[in-house]
Amino acid sequence: MDEHAEHHMHMAPAASNSTLNPALFDSVLAAARSANIEAAKVEIRPSSKPE
């Protein structure tokens, strides 16, 4: 038995590239920066729910 079996496939499915708007990532990052989130790396993931 795979000792990591519980951890496989628990991530939300990735949205297709045709539905992603790169400008949204920029606006989310800008909102994070305005909220004083100054981390060198910020993970931004698209919602798994349609808008």
PDB file of N, CA and C in Angstrom:
ATOM      1  N   MET A   1       0.846  -1.184   0.000  1.00  0.00           N
ATOM      2  CA  MET A   1       0.000   0.000   0.000  1.00  0.00           C
ATOM      3  C   MET A   1       0.891   1.247   0.000  1.00  0.00           C
ATOM      4  N   ASP A   2       0.497   2.215  -0.774  1.00  0.00           N
ATOM      5  CA  ASP A   2       1.230   3.485  -0.866  1.00  0.00           C
ATOM      6  C   ASP A   2       1.037   4.263   0.426  1.00  0.00           C
ATOM      7  N   GLU A   3       2.134   4.556   1.130  1.00  0.00           N
ATOM      8  CA  GLU A   3       2.025   5.275   2.401  1.00  0.00           C
ATOM      9  C   GLU A   3       1.487   6.689   2.245  1.00  0.00           C
ATOM     10  N   HIS A   4       1.482   7.199   1.014  1.00  0.00           N
ATOM     11  CA  HIS A   4       0.983   8.547   0.750  1.00  0.00           C
ATOM     12  C   HIS A   4      -0.359   8.531   0.017  1.00  0.00           C
ATOM     13  N   ALA A   5      -1.028   7.392   0.025  1.00  0.00           N
ATOM     14  CA  ALA A   5      -2.275   7.246  -0.734  1.00  0.00           C
ATOM     15  C   ALA A   5      -3.328   8.268  -0.318  1.00  0.00           C
ATOM     16  N   GLU A   6      -3.353   8.626   0.954  1.00  0.00           N
ATOM     17  CA  GLU A   6      -4.348   9.589   1.422  1.00  0.00           C
ATOM     18  C   GLU A   6      -4.129  10.979   0.843  1.00  0.00           C
ATOM     19  N   HIS A   7      -2.923  11.261   0.387  1.00  0.00           N
ATOM     20  CA  HIS A   7      -2.580  12.602  -0.064  1.00  0.00           C
ATOM     21  C   HIS A   7      -2.695  12.795  -1.569  1.00  0.00           C
ATOM     22  N   HIS A   8      -2.988  11.734  -2.285  1.00  0.00           N
ATOM     23  CA  HIS A   8      -3.068  11.837  -3.740  1.00  0.00           C
ATOM     24  C   HIS A   8      -4.431  12.368  -4.173  1.00  0.00           C
ATOM     25  N   MET A   9      -4.409  13.242  -5.161  1.00  0.00           N
ATOM     26  CA  MET A   9      -5.617  13.720  -5.842  1.00  0.00           C
ATOM     27  C   MET A   9      -6.587  14.473  -4.930  1.00  0.00           C
ATOM     28  N   HIS A  10      -6.094  15.236  -3.983  1.00  0.00           N
ATOM     29  CA  HIS A  10      -6.968  16.035  -3.136  1.00  0.00           C
ATOM     30  C   HIS A  10      -6.964  17.505  -3.535  1.00  0.00           C
ATOM     31  N   MET A  11      -6.334  17.821  -4.649  1.00  0.00           N
ATOM     32  CA  MET A  11      -6.280  19.210  -5.102  1.00  0.00           C
ATOM     33  C   MET A  11      -7.445  19.475  -6.045  1.00  0.00           C
ATOM     34  N   ALA A  12      -7.884  20.711  -6.067  1.00  0.00           N
ATOM     35  CA  ALA A  12      -8.940  21.103  -6.996  1.00  0.00           C
ATOM     36  C   ALA A  12      -8.414  20.990  -8.419  1.00  0.00           C
ATOM     37  N   PRO A  13      -9.251  20.583  -9.349  1.00  0.00           N
ATOM     38  CA  PRO A  13      -8.781  20.502 -10.736  1.00  0.00           C
ATOM     39  C   PRO A  13      -8.402  21.881 -11.263  1.00  0.00           C
ATOM     40  N   ALA A  14      -7.369  21.906 -12.056  1.00  0.00           N
ATOM     41  CA  ALA A  14      -6.910  23.175 -12.632  1.00  0.00           C
ATOM     42  C   ALA A  14      -7.912  23.659 -13.670  1.00  0.00           C
ATOM     43  N   ALA A  15      -8.133  24.940 -13.703  1.00  0.00           N
ATOM     44  CA  ALA A  15      -9.010  25.525 -14.717  1.00  0.00           C
ATOM     45  C   ALA A  15      -8.308  25.462 -16.061  1.00  0.00           C
ATOM     46  N   SER A  16      -9.088  25.381 -17.108  1.00  0.00           N
ATOM     47  CA  SER A  16      -8.461  25.339 -18.426  1.00  0.00           C
ATOM     48  C   SER A  16      -7.857  26.703 -18.738  1.00  0.00           C
ATOM     49  N   ASN A  17      -6.797  26.690 -19.510  1.00  0.00           N
ATOM     50  CA  ASN A  17      -6.105  27.934 -19.842  1.00  0.00           C
ATOM     51  C   ASN A  17      -7.000  28.929 -20.566  1.00  0.00           C
ATOM     52  N   SER A  18      -8.021  28.437 -21.263  1.00  0.00           N
ATOM     53  CA  SER A  18      -8.877  29.339 -22.023  1.00  0.00           C
ATOM     54  C   SER A  18      -9.774  30.182 -21.114  1.00  0.00           C
ATOM     55  N   THR A  19      -9.960  29.768 -19.852  1.00  0.00           N
ATOM     56  CA  THR A  19     -10.840  30.516 -18.960  1.00  0.00           C
ATOM     57  C   THR A  19     -10.079  31.441 -18.020  1.00  0.00           C
ATOM     58  N   LEU A  20      -8.765  31.360 -18.017  1.00  0.00           N
ATOM     59  CA  LEU A  20      -7.975  32.187 -17.107  1.00  0.00           C
ATOM     60  C   LEU A  20      -7.705  33.554 -17.706  1.00  0.00           C
ATOM     61  N   ASN A  21      -7.870  34.574 -16.891  1.00  0.00           N
ATOM     62  CA  ASN A  21      -7.580  35.936 -17.303  1.00  0.00           C
ATOM     63  C   ASN A  21      -6.345  36.390 -16.528  1.00  0.00           C
ATOM     64  N   PRO A  22      -5.197  36.507 -17.191  1.00  0.00           N
ATOM     65  CA  PRO A  22      -3.966  36.891 -16.484  1.00  0.00           C
ATOM     66  C   PRO A  22      -4.087  38.205 -15.725  1.00  0.00           C
ATOM     67  N   ALA A  23      -4.926  39.113 -16.169  1.00  0.00           N
ATOM     68  CA  ALA A  23      -5.099  40.387 -15.473  1.00  0.00           C
ATOM     69  C   ALA A  23      -5.672  40.181 -14.072  1.00  0.00           C
ATOM     70  N   LEU A  24      -6.457  39.121 -13.887  1.00  0.00           N
ATOM     71  CA  LEU A  24      -6.995  38.840 -12.556  1.00  0.00           C
ATOM     72  C   LEU A  24      -5.879  38.527 -11.567  1.00  0.00           C
ATOM     73  N   PHE A  25      -4.855  37.812 -12.021  1.00  0.00           N
ATOM     74  CA  PHE A  25      -3.729  37.494 -11.147  1.00  0.00           C
ATOM     75  C   PHE A  25      -3.013  38.779 -10.734  1.00  0.00           C
ATOM     76  N   ASP A  26      -2.863  39.695 -11.668  1.00  0.00           N
ATOM     77  CA  ASP A  26      -2.217  40.974 -11.353  1.00  0.00           C
ATOM     78  C   ASP A  26      -3.031  41.752 -10.326  1.00  0.00           C
ATOM     79  N   SER A  27      -4.353  41.755 -10.483  1.00  0.00           N
ATOM     80  CA  SER A  27      -5.182  42.511  -9.542  1.00  0.00           C
ATOM     81  C   SER A  27      -5.207  41.847  -8.167  1.00  0.00           C
ATOM     82  N   VAL A  28      -5.169  40.522  -8.129  1.00  0.00           N
ATOM     83  CA  VAL A  28      -5.118  39.823  -6.842  1.00  0.00           C
ATOM     84  C   VAL A  28      -3.790  40.096  -6.150  1.00  0.00           C
ATOM     85  N   LEU A  29      -2.695  40.077  -6.899  1.00  0.00           N
ATOM     86  CA  LEU A  29      -1.386  40.388  -6.320  1.00  0.00           C
ATOM     87  C   LEU A  29      -1.351  41.833  -5.824  1.00  0.00           C
ATOM     88  N   ALA A  30      -1.922  42.744  -6.584  1.00  0.00           N
ATOM     89  CA  ALA A  30      -1.970  44.146  -6.160  1.00  0.00           C
ATOM     90  C   ALA A  30      -2.782  44.290  -4.873  1.00  0.00           C
ATOM     91  N   ALA A  31      -3.880  43.554  -4.757  1.00  0.00           N
ATOM     92  CA  ALA A  31      -4.683  43.597  -3.533  1.00  0.00           C
ATOM     93  C   ALA A  31      -3.891  43.047  -2.351  1.00  0.00           C
ATOM     94  N   ALA A  32      -3.135  41.985  -2.589  1.00  0.00           N
ATOM     95  CA  ALA A  32      -2.299  41.425  -1.520  1.00  0.00           C
ATOM     96  C   ALA A  32      -1.243  42.430  -1.082  1.00  0.00           C
ATOM     97  N   ARG A  33      -0.606  43.075  -2.033  1.00  0.00           N
ATOM     98  CA  ARG A  33       0.429  44.071  -1.700  1.00  0.00           C
ATOM     99  C   ARG A  33      -0.180  45.255  -0.950  1.00  0.00           C
ATOM    100  N   SER A  34      -1.383  45.675  -1.335  1.00  0.00           N
ATOM    101  CA  SER A  34      -2.013  46.804  -0.641  1.00  0.00           C
ATOM    102  C   SER A  34      -2.451  46.419   0.770  1.00  0.00           C
ATOM    103  N   ALA A  35      -2.584  45.101   1.018  1.00  0.00           N
ATOM    104  CA  ALA A  35      -2.910  44.611   2.362  1.00  0.00           C
ATOM    105  C   ALA A  35      -1.639  44.292   3.145  1.00  0.00           C
ATOM    106  N   ASN A  36      -0.508  44.833   2.652  1.00  0.00           N
ATOM    107  CA  ASN A  36       0.798  44.678   3.305  1.00  0.00           C
ATOM    108  C   ASN A  36       1.309  43.246   3.329  1.00  0.00           C
ATOM    109  N   ILE A  37       0.923  42.449   2.344  1.00  0.00           N
ATOM    110  CA  ILE A  37       1.511  41.123   2.178  1.00  0.00           C
ATOM    111  C   ILE A  37       2.721  41.314   1.281  1.00  0.00           C
ATOM    112  N   GLU A  38       3.893  41.240   1.871  1.00  0.00           N
ATOM    113  CA  GLU A  38       5.136  41.553   1.161  1.00  0.00           C
ATOM    114  C   GLU A  38       6.029  40.331   0.972  1.00  0.00           C
ATOM    115  N   ALA A  39       5.458  39.142   0.996  1.00  0.00           N
ATOM    116  CA  ALA A  39       6.241  37.921   0.812  1.00  0.00           C
ATOM    117  C   ALA A  39       6.882  37.921  -0.570  1.00  0.00           C
ATOM    118  N   ALA A  40       8.052  37.306  -0.663  1.00  0.00           N
ATOM    119  CA  ALA A  40       8.741  37.228  -1.949  1.00  0.00           C
ATOM    120  C   ALA A  40       7.936  36.397  -2.948  1.00  0.00           C
ATOM    121  N   LYS A  41       7.249  35.381  -2.442  1.00  0.00           N
ATOM    122  CA  LYS A  41       6.422  34.531  -3.302  1.00  0.00           C
ATOM    123  C   LYS A  41       5.012  34.490  -2.725  1.00  0.00           C
ATOM    124  N   VAL A  42       4.034  34.718  -3.582  1.00  0.00           N
ATOM    125  CA  VAL A  42       2.628  34.650  -3.190  1.00  0.00           C
ATOM    126  C   VAL A  42       1.965  33.654  -4.124  1.00  0.00           C
ATOM    127  N   GLU A  43       1.327  32.637  -3.561  1.00  0.00           N
ATOM    128  CA  GLU A  43       0.655  31.640  -4.393  1.00  0.00           C
ATOM    129  C   GLU A  43      -0.770  32.101  -4.658  1.00  0.00           C
ATOM    130  N   ILE A  44      -1.103  32.226  -5.922  1.00  0.00           N
ATOM    131  CA  ILE A  44      -2.448  32.621  -6.338  1.00  0.00           C
ATOM    132  C   ILE A  44      -2.975  31.496  -7.215  1.00  0.00           C
ATOM    133  N   ARG A  45      -4.075  30.891  -6.786  1.00  0.00           N
ATOM    134  CA  ARG A  45      -4.661  29.804  -7.561  1.00  0.00           C
ATOM    135  C   ARG A  45      -6.071  30.189  -7.979  1.00  0.00           C
ATOM    136  N   PRO A  46      -6.446  29.845  -9.196  1.00  0.00           N
ATOM    137  CA  PRO A  46      -7.809  30.148  -9.636  1.00  0.00           C
ATOM    138  C   PRO A  46      -8.818  29.306  -8.861  1.00  0.00           C
ATOM    139  N   SER A  47      -9.992  29.832  -8.712  1.00  0.00           N
ATOM    140  CA  SER A  47     -11.068  29.116  -8.045  1.00  0.00           C
ATOM    141  C   SER A  47     -11.467  27.903  -8.865  1.00  0.00           C
ATOM    142  N   SER A  48     -11.887  26.854  -8.196  1.00  0.00           N
ATOM    143  CA  SER A  48     -12.371  25.681  -8.919  1.00  0.00           C
ATOM    144  C   SER A  48     -13.833  25.846  -9.301  1.00  0.00           C
ATOM    145  N   LYS A  49     -14.470  26.915  -8.803  1.00  0.00           N
ATOM    146  CA  LYS A  49     -15.874  27.183  -9.112  1.00  0.00           C
ATOM    147  C   LYS A  49     -15.964  28.167 -10.269  1.00  0.00           C
ATOM    148  N   PRO A  50     -16.901  27.947 -11.189  1.00  0.00           N
ATOM    149  CA  PRO A  50     -17.077  28.927 -12.269  1.00  0.00           C
ATOM    150  C   PRO A  50     -17.634  30.229 -11.716  1.00  0.00           C
ATOM    151  N   GLU A  51     -17.371  31.303 -12.410  1.00  0.00           N
ATOM    152  CA  GLU A  51     -17.857  32.619 -11.956  1.00  0.00           C
ATOM    153  C   GLU A  51     -19.314  32.796 -12.239  1.00  0.00           C
TER     154      GLU A  51
END
